[in-house]
C-alpha atoms as a PDB file:
ATOM      1  CA  UNK A   1     -18.001  13.045  -5.908  1.00  0.00           C
ATOM      2  CA  UNK A   2     -17.657  11.206  -3.492  1.00  0.00           C
ATOM      3  CA  UNK A   3     -13.767  11.671  -1.454  1.00  0.00           C
ATOM      4  CA  UNK A   4     -12.681   8.191  -0.052  1.00  0.00           C
ATOM      5  CA  UNK A   5     -10.705   8.148   3.027  1.00  0.00           C
ATOM      6  CA  UNK A   6      -7.214   6.442   2.692  1.00  0.00           C
ATOM      7  CA  UNK A   7      -5.869   4.369   5.675  1.00  0.00           C
ATOM      8  CA  UNK A   8      -2.226   3.096   6.365  1.00  0.00           C
ATOM      9  CA  UNK A   9      -2.338  -0.157   8.542  1.00  0.00           C
ATOM     10  CA  UNK A  10       0.700  -0.346  10.519  1.00  0.00           C
ATOM     11  CA  UNK A  11       2.176  -2.838   8.234  1.00  0.00           C
ATOM     12  CA  UNK A  12       2.181  -0.192   6.030  1.00  0.00           C
ATOM     13  CA  UNK A  13       3.880   2.255   7.952  1.00  0.00           C
ATOM     14  CA  UNK A  14       6.203   0.468   8.802  1.00  0.00           C
ATOM     15  CA  UNK A  15       6.992  -1.216   5.605  1.00  0.00           C
ATOM     16  CA  UNK A  16       6.956   2.584   4.702  1.00  0.00           C
ATOM     17  CA  UNK A  17      10.091   3.099   7.534  1.00  0.00           C
ATOM     18  CA  UNK A  18      11.649   0.307   6.142  1.00  0.00           C
ATOM     19  CA  UNK A  19      11.908   0.545   2.083  1.00  0.00           C
ATOM     20  CA  UNK A  20      13.122   4.409   3.484  1.00  0.00           C
ATOM     21  CA  UNK A  21      15.868   3.363   5.505  1.00  0.00           C
ATOM     22  CA  UNK A  22      16.763   1.052   3.450  1.00  0.00           C
ATOM     23  CA  UNK A  23      16.947   3.246   0.084  1.00  0.00           C
ATOM     24  CA  UNK A  24      18.630   5.812   2.584  1.00  0.00           C
ATOM     25  CA  UNK A  25      21.893   3.031   3.563  1.00  0.00           C
ATOM     26  CA  UNK A  26      22.255   1.987  -0.359  1.00  0.00           C
ATOM     27  CA  UNK A  27      21.934   5.537  -1.562  1.00  0.00           C
ATOM     28  CA  UNK A  28      20.856   8.465  -0.134  1.00  0.00           C
ATOM     29  CA  UNK A  29      18.438   9.626   2.018  1.00  0.00           C
ATOM     30  CA  UNK A  30      17.206  12.433  -0.334  1.00  0.00           C
ATOM     31  CA  UNK A  31      16.752   9.661  -2.418  1.00  0.00           C
ATOM     32  CA  UNK A  32      15.195   7.263   0.401  1.00  0.00           C
ATOM     33  CA  UNK A  33      12.830  10.652   0.725  1.00  0.00           C
ATOM     34  CA  UNK A  34      11.763  12.227  -2.868  1.00  0.00           C
ATOM     35  CA  UNK A  35      10.879   7.579  -3.415  1.00  0.00           C
ATOM     36  CA  UNK A  36       8.645   7.207   0.079  1.00  0.00           C
ATOM     37  CA  UNK A  37       6.936  10.462  -0.405  1.00  0.00           C
ATOM     38  CA  UNK A  38       5.661   9.532  -3.213  1.00  0.00           C
ATOM     39  CA  UNK A  39       4.361   5.910  -2.779  1.00  0.00           C
ATOM     40  CA  UNK A  40       2.551   7.561  -0.292  1.00  0.00           C
ATOM     41  CA  UNK A  41       1.466  10.320  -2.412  1.00  0.00           C
ATOM     42  CA  UNK A  42       0.326   7.471  -4.914  1.00  0.00           C
ATOM     43  CA  UNK A  43      -1.693   5.652  -2.656  1.00  0.00           C
ATOM     44  CA  UNK A  44      -3.505   8.755  -1.164  1.00  0.00           C
ATOM     45  CA  UNK A  45      -4.771   9.911  -4.379  1.00  0.00           C
ATOM     46  CA  UNK A  46      -7.201   6.252  -4.418  1.00  0.00           C
ATOM     47  CA  UNK A  47      -9.391   9.333  -2.538  1.00  0.00           C
ATOM     48  CA  UNK A  48     -10.782   9.625  -5.612  1.00  0.00           C
ATOM     49  CA  UNK A  49     -10.295   6.728  -7.599  1.00  0.00           C
ATOM     50  CA  UNK A  50     -10.015   3.796  -5.195  1.00  0.00           C
ATOM     51  CA  UNK A  51     -11.197   0.479  -7.321  1.00  0.00           C
ATOM     52  CA  UNK A  52      -8.139   1.242  -9.257  1.00  0.00           C
ATOM     53  CA  UNK A  53      -5.863  -1.612  -9.404  1.00  0.00           C
ATOM     54  CA  UNK A  54      -6.693  -5.462  -9.751  1.00  0.00           C
ATOM     55  CA  UNK A  55      -9.122  -7.563  -7.298  1.00  0.00           C
ATOM     56  CA  UNK A  56      -7.675 -10.424  -5.781  1.00  0.00           C
ATOM     57  CA  UNK A  57      -9.790 -12.361  -3.841  1.00  0.00           C
ATOM     58  CA  UNK A  58      -7.666 -15.228  -4.162  1.00  0.00           C
ATOM     59  CA  UNK A  59      -5.551 -14.257  -2.024  1.00  0.00           C
ATOM     60  CA  UNK A  60      -8.057 -12.660   0.280  1.00  0.00           C
ATOM     61  CA  UNK A  61     -11.347 -11.135  -0.067  1.00  0.00           C
ATOM     62  CA  UNK A  62     -11.823  -8.095  -0.445  1.00  0.00           C
ATOM     63  CA  UNK A  63      -7.927  -7.647  -1.792  1.00  0.00           C
ATOM     64  CA  UNK A  64      -7.427  -5.695  -4.782  1.00  0.00           C
ATOM     65  CA  UNK A  65      -3.453  -4.337  -5.504  1.00  0.00           C
ATOM     66  CA  UNK A  66      -1.553  -1.825  -7.342  1.00  0.00           C
ATOM     67  CA  UNK A  67       1.249  -1.066  -8.585  1.00  0.00           C
ATOM     68  CA  UNK A  68       4.075   1.624  -8.380  1.00  0.00           C
ATOM     69  CA  UNK A  69       7.048   2.008 -10.444  1.00  0.00           C
ATOM     70  CA  UNK A  70       7.121  -1.625 -11.299  1.00  0.00           C
ATOM     71  CA  UNK A  71       8.635  -2.345  -8.377  1.00  0.00           C
ATOM     72  CA  UNK A  72       6.844  -2.180  -5.347  1.00  0.00           C
ATOM     73  CA  UNK A  73       3.052  -4.063  -5.090  1.00  0.00           C
ATOM     74  CA  UNK A  74       0.698  -1.417  -2.775  1.00  0.00           C
ATOM     75  CA  UNK A  75      -2.183  -3.995  -1.163  1.00  0.00           C
ATOM     76  CA  UNK A  76      -5.399  -2.431  -0.487  1.00  0.00           C
ATOM     77  CA  UNK A  77      -8.635  -2.850   0.697  1.00  0.00           C
ATOM     78  CA  UNK A  78     -11.446  -0.589  -0.500  1.00  0.00           C
ATOM     79  CA  UNK A  79     -15.085  -0.101   1.777  1.00  0.00           C
ATOM     80  CA  UNK A  80     -17.430   2.064  -0.534  1.00  0.00           C
ATOM     81  CA  UNK A  81     -20.381   2.177   2.665  1.00  0.00           C
ATOM     82  CA  UNK A  82     -17.750   3.991   4.568  1.00  0.00           C
ATOM     83  CA  UNK A  83     -16.127   5.779   2.085  1.00  0.00           C
ATOM     84  CA  UNK A  84     -12.318   4.467   3.259  1.00  0.00           C
ATOM     85  CA  UNK A  85      -9.660   2.748   1.505  1.00  0.00           C
ATOM     86  CA  UNK A  86      -7.247   1.109   3.973  1.00  0.00           C
ATOM     87  CA  UNK A  87      -3.940   0.142   2.238  1.00  0.00           C
ATOM     88  CA  UNK A  88      -3.187  -2.548   3.872  1.00  0.00           C
ATOM     89  CA  UNK A  89       0.918  -3.345   2.570  1.00  0.00           C
ATOM     90  CA  UNK A  90       3.736  -1.949   1.057  1.00  0.00           C
ATOM     91  CA  UNK A  91       6.027  -4.530  -0.928  1.00  0.00           C
ATOM     92  CA  UNK A  92       9.153  -3.524  -2.902  1.00  0.00           C
ATOM     93  CA  UNK A  93      10.836  -5.993  -4.615  1.00  0.00           C
ATOM     94  CA  UNK A  94       9.742  -8.965  -5.793  1.00  0.00           C
ATOM     95  CA  UNK A  95       8.353  -9.332  -2.251  1.00  0.00           C
ATOM     96  CA  UNK A  96       5.864 -12.285  -1.936  1.00  0.00           C
ATOM     97  CA  UNK A  97       3.154 -10.503  -0.649  1.00  0.00           C
ATOM     98  CA  UNK A  98       0.132 -12.805  -1.248  1.00  0.00           C
ATOM     99  CA  UNK A  99       2.215 -14.894   0.900  1.00  0.00           C
ATOM    100  CA  UNK A 100       2.245 -12.298   3.689  1.00  0.00           C
ATOM    101  CA  UNK A 101      -1.973 -11.283   3.278  1.00  0.00           C
ATOM    102  CA  UNK A 102      -2.207 -14.705   2.876  1.00  0.00           C
ATOM    103  CA  UNK A 103      -1.727 -15.568   6.744  1.00  0.00           C
ATOM    104  CA  UNK A 104      -2.006 -12.090   7.930  1.00  0.00           C
ATOM    105  CA  UNK A 105      -5.707 -11.756   8.040  1.00  0.00           C
ATOM    106  CA  UNK A 106      -5.676  -8.608  10.653  1.00  0.00           C
ATOM    107  CA  UNK A 107      -4.986  -5.304   8.285  1.00  0.00           C
ATOM    108  CA  UNK A 108      -7.719  -3.639  10.338  1.00  0.00           C
ATOM    109  CA  UNK A 109      -6.338   0.621   9.880  1.00  0.00           C
ATOM    110  CA  UNK A 110      -4.593   2.901  12.689  1.00  0.00           C
END
């Protein structure tokens, strides 16, 4: 079995940090840590099954999306040649990921 490398774009890392700060402010730092860590783990688990989720070529060529607990949309792409999954963005609570991704062509990993 080939294992893929999972990488996060700078935007995805910033979105996770912003989500952490939001949850910490409205709930607690402990809750924020547990929730955001679980999202990161969910993303990292794509190393074994990278082509999960739904293809969304209608938004951007090569885009796939999956969800975490029905509240978070994880946007990503898969490069089968390089064995890499790139987490493009983390969108919480109904944020319009389609509009954000249609207008943002730069999603290079860190």
